[in-house]
C-alpha atoms as a PDB file:
ATOM      1  CA  UNK A   1     161.765 103.711 196.677  1.00  0.00           C
ATOM      2  CA  UNK A   2     158.640 105.945 197.071  1.00  0.00           C
ATOM      3  CA  UNK A   3     158.771 109.605 197.181  1.00  0.00           C
ATOM      4  CA  UNK A   4     160.465 110.928 200.287  1.00  0.00           C
ATOM      5  CA  UNK A   5     162.219 114.169 201.449  1.00  0.00           C
ATOM      6  CA  UNK A   6     164.693 114.977 204.176  1.00  0.00           C
ATOM      7  CA  UNK A   7     163.037 118.502 204.917  1.00  0.00           C
ATOM      8  CA  UNK A   8     160.653 117.861 207.824  1.00  0.00           C
ATOM      9  CA  UNK A   9     158.123 120.730 207.080  1.00  0.00           C
ATOM     10  CA  UNK A  10     157.635 119.083 203.552  1.00  0.00           C
ATOM     11  CA  UNK A  11     157.300 115.580 204.768  1.00  0.00           C
ATOM     12  CA  UNK A  12     154.703 116.803 207.183  1.00  0.00           C
ATOM     13  CA  UNK A  13     152.864 118.871 204.474  1.00  0.00           C
ATOM     14  CA  UNK A  14     153.092 116.066 201.769  1.00  0.00           C
ATOM     15  CA  UNK A  15     151.558 113.359 204.525  1.00  0.00           C
ATOM     16  CA  UNK A  16     148.725 115.669 205.088  1.00  0.00           C
ATOM     17  CA  UNK A  17     147.991 116.257 201.548  1.00  0.00           C
ATOM     18  CA  UNK A  18     147.996 112.408 200.855  1.00  0.00           C
ATOM     19  CA  UNK A  19     145.411 112.159 203.321  1.00  0.00           C
ATOM     20  CA  UNK A  20     143.173 114.721 202.690  1.00  0.00           C
ATOM     21  CA  UNK A  21     143.470 113.801 198.849  1.00  0.00           C
ATOM     22  CA  UNK A  22     142.482 110.292 199.909  1.00  0.00           C
ATOM     23  CA  UNK A  23     139.487 111.236 202.051  1.00  0.00           C
ATOM     24  CA  UNK A  24     138.181 113.450 199.263  1.00  0.00           C
ATOM     25  CA  UNK A  25     138.552 110.663 196.650  1.00  0.00           C
ATOM     26  CA  UNK A  26     136.721 108.293 199.156  1.00  0.00           C
ATOM     27  CA  UNK A  27     133.832 110.572 198.547  1.00  0.00           C
ATOM     28  CA  UNK A  28     134.130 110.641 195.022  1.00  0.00           C
ATOM     29  CA  UNK A  29     134.207 107.166 194.837  1.00  0.00           C
ATOM     30  CA  UNK A  30     131.074 106.590 196.905  1.00  0.00           C
ATOM     31  CA  UNK A  31     128.955 109.048 194.734  1.00  0.00           C
ATOM     32  CA  UNK A  32     130.035 108.078 191.458  1.00  0.00           C
ATOM     33  CA  UNK A  33     127.483 107.392 188.953  1.00  0.00           C
ATOM     34  CA  UNK A  34     124.842 108.172 191.583  1.00  0.00           C
ATOM     35  CA  UNK A  35     122.007 110.822 191.538  1.00  0.00           C
ATOM     36  CA  UNK A  36     123.643 114.359 191.769  1.00  0.00           C
ATOM     37  CA  UNK A  37     122.557 117.871 192.236  1.00  0.00           C
ATOM     38  CA  UNK A  38     124.087 119.734 189.140  1.00  0.00           C
ATOM     39  CA  UNK A  39     124.572 123.600 189.163  1.00  0.00           C
ATOM     40  CA  UNK A  40     126.018 125.980 186.911  1.00  0.00           C
ATOM     41  CA  UNK A  41     128.685 128.825 187.735  1.00  0.00           C
ATOM     42  CA  UNK A  42     130.104 131.032 185.066  1.00  0.00           C
ATOM     43  CA  UNK A  43     128.533 129.412 181.924  1.00  0.00           C
ATOM     44  CA  UNK A  44     126.137 126.643 181.158  1.00  0.00           C
ATOM     45  CA  UNK A  45     128.748 124.227 180.656  1.00  0.00           C
ATOM     46  CA  UNK A  46     130.493 125.072 183.946  1.00  0.00           C
ATOM     47  CA  UNK A  47     129.237 122.553 186.366  1.00  0.00           C
ATOM     48  CA  UNK A  48     129.375 122.077 190.322  1.00  0.00           C
ATOM     49  CA  UNK A  49     127.763 119.547 192.213  1.00  0.00           C
ATOM     50  CA  UNK A  50     127.266 118.779 195.850  1.00  0.00           C
ATOM     51  CA  UNK A  51     130.175 116.365 195.756  1.00  0.00           C
ATOM     52  CA  UNK A  52     132.552 119.421 194.793  1.00  0.00           C
ATOM     53  CA  UNK A  53     131.600 121.057 197.912  1.00  0.00           C
ATOM     54  CA  UNK A  54     131.615 118.282 200.006  1.00  0.00           C
ATOM     55  CA  UNK A  55     135.209 117.325 199.106  1.00  0.00           C
ATOM     56  CA  UNK A  56     136.131 120.997 199.470  1.00  0.00           C
ATOM     57  CA  UNK A  57     134.857 121.114 202.766  1.00  0.00           C
ATOM     58  CA  UNK A  58     136.553 117.895 204.029  1.00  0.00           C
ATOM     59  CA  UNK A  59     139.880 119.135 202.783  1.00  0.00           C
ATOM     60  CA  UNK A  60     139.579 122.727 204.170  1.00  0.00           C
ATOM     61  CA  UNK A  61     138.300 120.962 207.598  1.00  0.00           C
ATOM     62  CA  UNK A  62     141.219 118.708 207.505  1.00  0.00           C
ATOM     63  CA  UNK A  63     143.775 121.765 206.899  1.00  0.00           C
ATOM     64  CA  UNK A  64     142.138 123.816 209.551  1.00  0.00           C
ATOM     65  CA  UNK A  65     142.077 121.136 212.095  1.00  0.00           C
ATOM     66  CA  UNK A  66     145.907 121.020 212.135  1.00  0.00           C
ATOM     67  CA  UNK A  67     147.296 124.007 210.484  1.00  0.00           C
ATOM     68  CA  UNK A  68     144.990 127.071 211.177  1.00  0.00           C
ATOM     69  CA  UNK A  69     147.487 129.459 210.060  1.00  0.00           C
ATOM     70  CA  UNK A  70     148.046 128.344 206.518  1.00  0.00           C
ATOM     71  CA  UNK A  71     146.567 130.588 203.671  1.00  0.00           C
ATOM     72  CA  UNK A  72     143.862 128.648 201.497  1.00  0.00           C
ATOM     73  CA  UNK A  73     142.793 128.959 197.573  1.00  0.00           C
ATOM     74  CA  UNK A  74     139.988 126.553 196.808  1.00  0.00           C
ATOM     75  CA  UNK A  75     137.987 126.345 193.590  1.00  0.00           C
ATOM     76  CA  UNK A  76     134.806 126.184 195.461  1.00  0.00           C
ATOM     77  CA  UNK A  77     134.957 129.627 197.512  1.00  0.00           C
ATOM     78  CA  UNK A  78     137.625 129.061 200.361  1.00  0.00           C
ATOM     79  CA  UNK A  79     139.878 131.922 199.752  1.00  0.00           C
ATOM     80  CA  UNK A  80     141.471 132.461 203.190  1.00  0.00           C
ATOM     81  CA  UNK A  81     144.776 134.097 203.827  1.00  0.00           C
ATOM     82  CA  UNK A  82     146.620 135.868 206.728  1.00  0.00           C
ATOM     83  CA  UNK A  83     149.399 138.396 206.253  1.00  0.00           C
ATOM     84  CA  UNK A  84     152.279 136.070 207.508  1.00  0.00           C
ATOM     85  CA  UNK A  85     151.206 132.873 206.248  1.00  0.00           C
ATOM     86  CA  UNK A  86     154.204 131.100 204.953  1.00  0.00           C
ATOM     87  CA  UNK A  87     152.109 128.227 203.522  1.00  0.00           C
ATOM     88  CA  UNK A  88     149.403 128.256 200.900  1.00  0.00           C
ATOM     89  CA  UNK A  89     147.107 125.634 199.939  1.00  0.00           C
ATOM     90  CA  UNK A  90     145.737 125.544 196.428  1.00  0.00           C
ATOM     91  CA  UNK A  91     142.908 123.050 196.184  1.00  0.00           C
ATOM     92  CA  UNK A  92     140.779 121.677 193.330  1.00  0.00           C
ATOM     93  CA  UNK A  93     138.515 119.289 195.205  1.00  0.00           C
ATOM     94  CA  UNK A  94     137.235 117.592 192.133  1.00  0.00           C
ATOM     95  CA  UNK A  95     139.089 118.451 189.003  1.00  0.00           C
ATOM     96  CA  UNK A  96     136.790 117.220 185.841  1.00  0.00           C
ATOM     97  CA  UNK A  97     133.344 117.965 187.328  1.00  0.00           C
ATOM     98  CA  UNK A  98     131.580 117.498 183.827  1.00  0.00           C
ATOM     99  CA  UNK A  99     133.345 114.016 183.679  1.00  0.00           C
ATOM    100  CA  UNK A 100     132.046 113.325 186.993  1.00  0.00           C
ATOM    101  CA  UNK A 101     128.659 114.634 186.325  1.00  0.00           C
ATOM    102  CA  UNK A 102     128.346 112.573 183.349  1.00  0.00           C
ATOM    103  CA  UNK A 103     129.887 109.304 184.680  1.00  0.00           C
ATOM    104  CA  UNK A 104     132.930 109.459 182.631  1.00  0.00           C
ATOM    105  CA  UNK A 105     136.072 108.192 184.567  1.00  0.00           C
ATOM    106  CA  UNK A 106     138.083 110.959 184.321  1.00  0.00           C
ATOM    107  CA  UNK A 107     138.579 113.159 187.425  1.00  0.00           C
ATOM    108  CA  UNK A 108     140.921 113.611 190.445  1.00  0.00           C
ATOM    109  CA  UNK A 109     141.742 115.624 193.543  1.00  0.00           C
ATOM    110  CA  UNK A 110     144.519 118.204 193.172  1.00  0.00           C
ATOM    111  CA  UNK A 111     146.259 119.611 196.099  1.00  0.00           C
ATOM    112  CA  UNK A 112     149.069 122.100 195.482  1.00  0.00           C
ATOM    113  CA  UNK A 113     151.290 123.527 198.085  1.00  0.00           C
ATOM    114  CA  UNK A 114     153.487 126.783 198.473  1.00  0.00           C
ATOM    115  CA  UNK A 115     155.828 127.697 200.833  1.00  0.00           C
ATOM    116  CA  UNK A 116     156.638 131.187 200.893  1.00  0.00           C
ATOM    117  CA  UNK A 117     155.412 131.592 197.442  1.00  0.00           C
ATOM    118  CA  UNK A 118     157.242 128.634 195.794  1.00  0.00           C
ATOM    119  CA  UNK A 119     155.895 125.580 194.810  1.00  0.00           C
ATOM    120  CA  UNK A 120     156.903 122.836 196.854  1.00  0.00           C
ATOM    121  CA  UNK A 121     154.467 119.677 197.202  1.00  0.00           C
ATOM    122  CA  UNK A 122     151.768 118.521 194.755  1.00  0.00           C
ATOM    123  CA  UNK A 123     149.511 115.890 195.182  1.00  0.00           C
ATOM    124  CA  UNK A 124     146.916 114.707 192.352  1.00  0.00           C
ATOM    125  CA  UNK A 125     144.759 111.470 193.306  1.00  0.00           C
ATOM    126  CA  UNK A 126     142.604 109.740 190.747  1.00  0.00           C
ATOM    127  CA  UNK A 127     140.194 107.878 192.849  1.00  0.00           C
ATOM    128  CA  UNK A 128     139.013 105.489 190.167  1.00  0.00           C
ATOM    129  CA  UNK A 129     142.389 104.233 189.177  1.00  0.00           C
ATOM    130  CA  UNK A 130     143.723 104.641 192.569  1.00  0.00           C
ATOM    131  CA  UNK A 131     146.722 106.397 191.067  1.00  0.00           C
ATOM    132  CA  UNK A 132     148.455 109.170 193.311  1.00  0.00           C
ATOM    133  CA  UNK A 133     150.856 111.429 191.217  1.00  0.00           C
ATOM    134  CA  UNK A 134     152.948 113.533 193.610  1.00  0.00           C
ATOM    135  CA  UNK A 135     156.020 115.589 193.937  1.00  0.00           C
ATOM    136  CA  UNK A 136     158.129 117.276 196.486  1.00  0.00           C
ATOM    137  CA  UNK A 137     160.601 119.925 195.331  1.00  0.00           C
ATOM    138  CA  UNK A 138     163.835 118.730 194.661  1.00  0.00           C
ATOM    139  CA  UNK A 139     162.747 115.010 195.258  1.00  0.00           C
ATOM    140  CA  UNK A 140     161.189 114.119 192.058  1.00  0.00           C
ATOM    141  CA  UNK A 141     157.652 113.062 190.839  1.00  0.00           C
ATOM    142  CA  UNK A 142     156.418 109.792 191.707  1.00  0.00           C
ATOM    143  CA  UNK A 143     153.480 107.621 191.115  1.00  0.00           C
ATOM    144  CA  UNK A 144     153.344 104.961 193.979  1.00  0.00           C
ATOM    145  CA  UNK A 145     157.088 103.593 193.789  1.00  0.00           C
ATOM    146  CA  UNK A 146     157.609 104.497 190.113  1.00  0.00           C
ATOM    147  CA  UNK A 147     159.756 107.588 189.768  1.00  0.00           C
ATOM    148  CA  UNK A 148     158.304 109.736 186.714  1.00  0.00           C
ATOM    149  CA  UNK A 149     160.004 111.052 183.843  1.00  0.00           C
ATOM    150  CA  UNK A 150     158.679 112.679 180.696  1.00  0.00           C
ATOM    151  CA  UNK A 151     159.363 111.025 177.339  1.00  0.00           C
ATOM    152  CA  UNK A 152     162.197 111.321 174.912  1.00  0.00           C
ATOM    153  CA  UNK A 153     160.232 112.270 172.002  1.00  0.00           C
ATOM    154  CA  UNK A 154     161.436 114.758 169.749  1.00  0.00           C
ATOM    155  CA  UNK A 155     159.339 114.185 166.630  1.00  0.00           C
ATOM    156  CA  UNK A 156     156.063 116.012 166.865  1.00  0.00           C
ATOM    157  CA  UNK A 157     154.785 113.745 164.317  1.00  0.00           C
ATOM    158  CA  UNK A 158     155.160 111.163 166.915  1.00  0.00           C
ATOM    159  CA  UNK A 159     153.748 113.052 169.560  1.00  0.00           C
ATOM    160  CA  UNK A 160     150.305 112.528 171.498  1.00  0.00           C
ATOM    161  CA  UNK A 161     149.028 115.696 172.695  1.00  0.00           C
ATOM    162  CA  UNK A 162     146.342 116.703 175.060  1.00  0.00           C
ATOM    163  CA  UNK A 163     144.310 120.202 175.392  1.00  0.00           C
ATOM    164  CA  UNK A 164     141.028 121.376 176.592  1.00  0.00           C
ATOM    165  CA  UNK A 165     138.773 124.127 175.941  1.00  0.00           C
ATOM    166  CA  UNK A 166     137.481 127.007 178.252  1.00  0.00           C
ATOM    167  CA  UNK A 167     133.887 127.584 179.421  1.00  0.00           C
ATOM    168  CA  UNK A 168     133.202 130.413 177.325  1.00  0.00           C
ATOM    169  CA  UNK A 169     133.976 128.398 174.168  1.00  0.00           C
ATOM    170  CA  UNK A 170     130.214 129.060 173.148  1.00  0.00           C
ATOM    171  CA  UNK A 171     130.622 132.904 173.283  1.00  0.00           C
ATOM    172  CA  UNK A 172     134.438 133.899 173.168  1.00  0.00           C
ATOM    173  CA  UNK A 173     136.575 134.172 169.632  1.00  0.00           C
ATOM    174  CA  UNK A 174     139.361 132.844 171.552  1.00  0.00           C
ATOM    175  CA  UNK A 175     138.301 129.415 171.413  1.00  0.00           C
ATOM    176  CA  UNK A 176     141.379 127.211 170.826  1.00  0.00           C
ATOM    177  CA  UNK A 177     139.930 125.930 167.876  1.00  0.00           C
ATOM    178  CA  UNK A 178     142.544 127.308 165.402  1.00  0.00           C
ATOM    179  CA  UNK A 179     145.475 125.913 167.415  1.00  0.00           C
ATOM    180  CA  UNK A 180     143.500 122.647 167.849  1.00  0.00           C
ATOM    181  CA  UNK A 181     143.381 122.384 164.198  1.00  0.00           C
ATOM    182  CA  UNK A 182     147.024 123.071 163.734  1.00  0.00           C
ATOM    183  CA  UNK A 183     147.902 120.232 166.297  1.00  0.00           C
ATOM    184  CA  UNK A 184     145.449 117.625 164.972  1.00  0.00           C
ATOM    185  CA  UNK A 185     146.893 118.078 161.370  1.00  0.00           C
ATOM    186  CA  UNK A 186     150.366 117.544 162.690  1.00  0.00           C
ATOM    187  CA  UNK A 187     150.834 115.270 165.536  1.00  0.00           C
ATOM    188  CA  UNK A 188     150.114 111.764 165.872  1.00  0.00           C
ATOM    189  CA  UNK A 189     147.018 112.043 167.841  1.00  0.00           C
ATOM    190  CA  UNK A 190     145.027 114.486 170.124  1.00  0.00           C
ATOM    191  CA  UNK A 191     143.222 113.784 173.421  1.00  0.00           C
ATOM    192  CA  UNK A 192     140.739 116.201 175.126  1.00  0.00           C
ATOM    193  CA  UNK A 193     140.053 114.344 178.675  1.00  0.00           C
ATOM    194  CA  UNK A 194     138.697 117.218 180.613  1.00  0.00           C
ATOM    195  CA  UNK A 195     140.850 117.370 183.810  1.00  0.00           C
ATOM    196  CA  UNK A 196     143.793 119.785 183.470  1.00  0.00           C
ATOM    197  CA  UNK A 197     145.593 118.214 186.486  1.00  0.00           C
ATOM    198  CA  UNK A 198     145.766 114.834 184.980  1.00  0.00           C
ATOM    199  CA  UNK A 199     146.649 115.860 181.716  1.00  0.00           C
ATOM    200  CA  UNK A 200     149.927 117.653 183.245  1.00  0.00           C
ATOM    201  CA  UNK A 201     150.534 114.560 185.229  1.00  0.00           C
ATOM    202  CA  UNK A 202     150.187 112.234 182.098  1.00  0.00           C
ATOM    203  CA  UNK A 203     152.873 114.068 180.638  1.00  0.00           C
ATOM    204  CA  UNK A 204     154.837 113.698 183.922  1.00  0.00           C
ATOM    205  CA  UNK A 205     154.222 110.133 183.472  1.00  0.00           C
ATOM    206  CA  UNK A 206     155.231 109.730 179.956  1.00  0.00           C
ATOM    207  CA  UNK A 207     151.893 108.893 178.753  1.00  0.00           C
ATOM    208  CA  UNK A 208     151.015 112.038 176.586  1.00  0.00           C
ATOM    209  CA  UNK A 209     154.058 114.027 175.308  1.00  0.00           C
ATOM    210  CA  UNK A 210     152.643 117.744 175.412  1.00  0.00           C
ATOM    211  CA  UNK A 211     149.764 119.621 176.593  1.00  0.00           C
ATOM    212  CA  UNK A 212     148.175 123.072 176.404  1.00  0.00           C
ATOM    213  CA  UNK A 213     145.207 125.062 177.457  1.00  0.00           C
ATOM    214  CA  UNK A 214     143.817 128.558 177.938  1.00  0.00           C
ATOM    215  CA  UNK A 215     141.820 130.268 180.650  1.00  0.00           C
ATOM    216  CA  UNK A 216     142.329 127.847 183.603  1.00  0.00           C
ATOM    217  CA  UNK A 217     143.036 128.707 187.089  1.00  0.00           C
ATOM    218  CA  UNK A 218     145.475 128.222 189.978  1.00  0.00           C
ATOM    219  CA  UNK A 219     143.802 125.433 191.413  1.00  0.00           C
ATOM    220  CA  UNK A 220     143.981 123.543 188.077  1.00  0.00           C
ATOM    221  CA  UNK A 221     147.683 123.719 187.652  1.00  0.00           C
ATOM    222  CA  UNK A 222     149.164 124.346 191.197  1.00  0.00           C
ATOM    223  CA  UNK A 223     150.109 120.516 191.758  1.00  0.00           C
ATOM    224  CA  UNK A 224     150.477 119.425 188.102  1.00  0.00           C
ATOM    225  CA  UNK A 225     153.138 122.230 187.449  1.00  0.00           C
ATOM    226  CA  UNK A 226     155.539 120.910 190.277  1.00  0.00           C
ATOM    227  CA  UNK A 227     155.027 116.981 189.414  1.00  0.00           C
ATOM    228  CA  UNK A 228     155.790 117.636 185.645  1.00  0.00           C
ATOM    229  CA  UNK A 229     158.612 120.079 186.446  1.00  0.00           C
ATOM    230  CA  UNK A 230     159.967 117.212 189.092  1.00  0.00           C
ATOM    231  CA  UNK A 231     159.686 114.595 186.362  1.00  0.00           C
ATOM    232  CA  UNK A 232     161.985 116.539 183.845  1.00  0.00           C
ATOM    233  CA  UNK A 233     159.214 118.462 181.954  1.00  0.00           C
ATOM    234  CA  UNK A 234     158.840 122.138 180.745  1.00  0.00           C
ATOM    235  CA  UNK A 235     156.237 124.653 181.397  1.00  0.00           C
ATOM    236  CA  UNK A 236     155.625 128.097 179.986  1.00  0.00           C
ATOM    237  CA  UNK A 237     153.063 130.489 178.764  1.00  0.00           C
ATOM    238  CA  UNK A 238     152.487 130.545 174.980  1.00  0.00           C
ATOM    239  CA  UNK A 239     155.338 132.907 174.412  1.00  0.00           C
ATOM    240  CA  UNK A 240     157.885 130.720 176.217  1.00  0.00           C
ATOM    241  CA  UNK A 241     157.853 133.029 179.100  1.00  0.00           C
ATOM    242  CA  UNK A 242     157.485 131.737 182.728  1.00  0.00           C
ATOM    243  CA  UNK A 243     154.451 129.428 183.606  1.00  0.00           C
ATOM    244  CA  UNK A 244     151.840 131.255 184.455  1.00  0.00           C
ATOM    245  CA  UNK A 245     150.613 130.473 187.968  1.00  0.00           C
ATOM    246  CA  UNK A 246     147.022 131.985 187.391  1.00  0.00           C
ATOM    247  CA  UNK A 247     146.485 129.245 184.515  1.00  0.00           C
ATOM    248  CA  UNK A 248     145.843 131.808 181.791  1.00  0.00           C
ATOM    249  CA  UNK A 249     148.062 130.111 179.494  1.00  0.00           C
ATOM    250  CA  UNK A 250     149.439 126.692 179.832  1.00  0.00           C
ATOM    251  CA  UNK A 251     151.874 124.963 177.744  1.00  0.00           C
ATOM    252  CA  UNK A 252     153.826 121.817 179.008  1.00  0.00           C
ATOM    253  CA  UNK A 253     155.735 119.257 177.111  1.00  0.00           C
ATOM    254  CA  UNK A 254     158.546 116.965 177.778  1.00  0.00           C
ATOM    255  CA  UNK A 255     160.936 119.438 176.870  1.00  0.00           C
ATOM    256  CA  UNK A 256     161.935 118.509 173.389  1.00  0.00           C
ATOM    257  CA  UNK A 257     158.648 119.162 171.996  1.00  0.00           C
ATOM    258  CA  UNK A 258     158.157 122.498 173.559  1.00  0.00           C
ATOM    259  CA  UNK A 259     159.328 124.808 170.689  1.00  0.00           C
ATOM    260  CA  UNK A 260     157.303 122.734 168.343  1.00  0.00           C
ATOM    261  CA  UNK A 261     154.078 122.923 170.393  1.00  0.00           C
ATOM    262  CA  UNK A 262     154.423 126.826 170.815  1.00  0.00           C
ATOM    263  CA  UNK A 263     154.895 127.162 167.022  1.00  0.00           C
ATOM    264  CA  UNK A 264     151.481 125.487 166.562  1.00  0.00           C
ATOM    265  CA  UNK A 265     149.555 127.022 169.438  1.00  0.00           C
ATOM    266  CA  UNK A 266     151.066 130.830 168.912  1.00  0.00           C
ATOM    267  CA  UNK A 267     152.475 130.930 165.722  1.00  0.00           C
END
């Protein structure tokens, strides 16, 4: 059975998030490996393209047409809120822009929805593989008709782990390289795929066992956190505190490996 919820409001929000993710994904498929206008933002390696902006506009317009009073937080500039908004959409229209700009097939659309400040719906769509990871609070995490579950691996030496590097890696001493070295020396393997949203979903799907990264943003993790937690995974900051919704410190795992991961990234 695919994901379903008995909460009518969450069912409506899930249906709209699926529709909008599909719309943005279609834009990405059409423009993949075509001529792009590439600009930079916070650093020379922090890229944005007209496809990022087109996808965000399509998603925002779709929300505004049907839910004009909801709050919005989107990567490329849409930051709209009202004092009485119960629902907030947290949107990364194209997570993995550097991959997309270089023709590397690892990118996605990420849409997270909070209801009264609580993560409630998450949809992450990979348009090239046509894989839609999704979750509703209390209803599990799903990939199509398959309910997702994290791995049962408890030996860090057999773990496949993912990470990433912040856009200020060229200039900051807080560069993740020391932690990377400790993990690569003790895990079975390490991956750096370039999409935080997909990394979190891959932990949820049991494709990798753990993931960590610093200096992310709310739109990178809003959907992925819910999907992973609904799949039985564990999230925290680097000191084993509550997961940082801002994305400043993200540690995620199947649960059994969490303490071992934290010991390596924050010794």
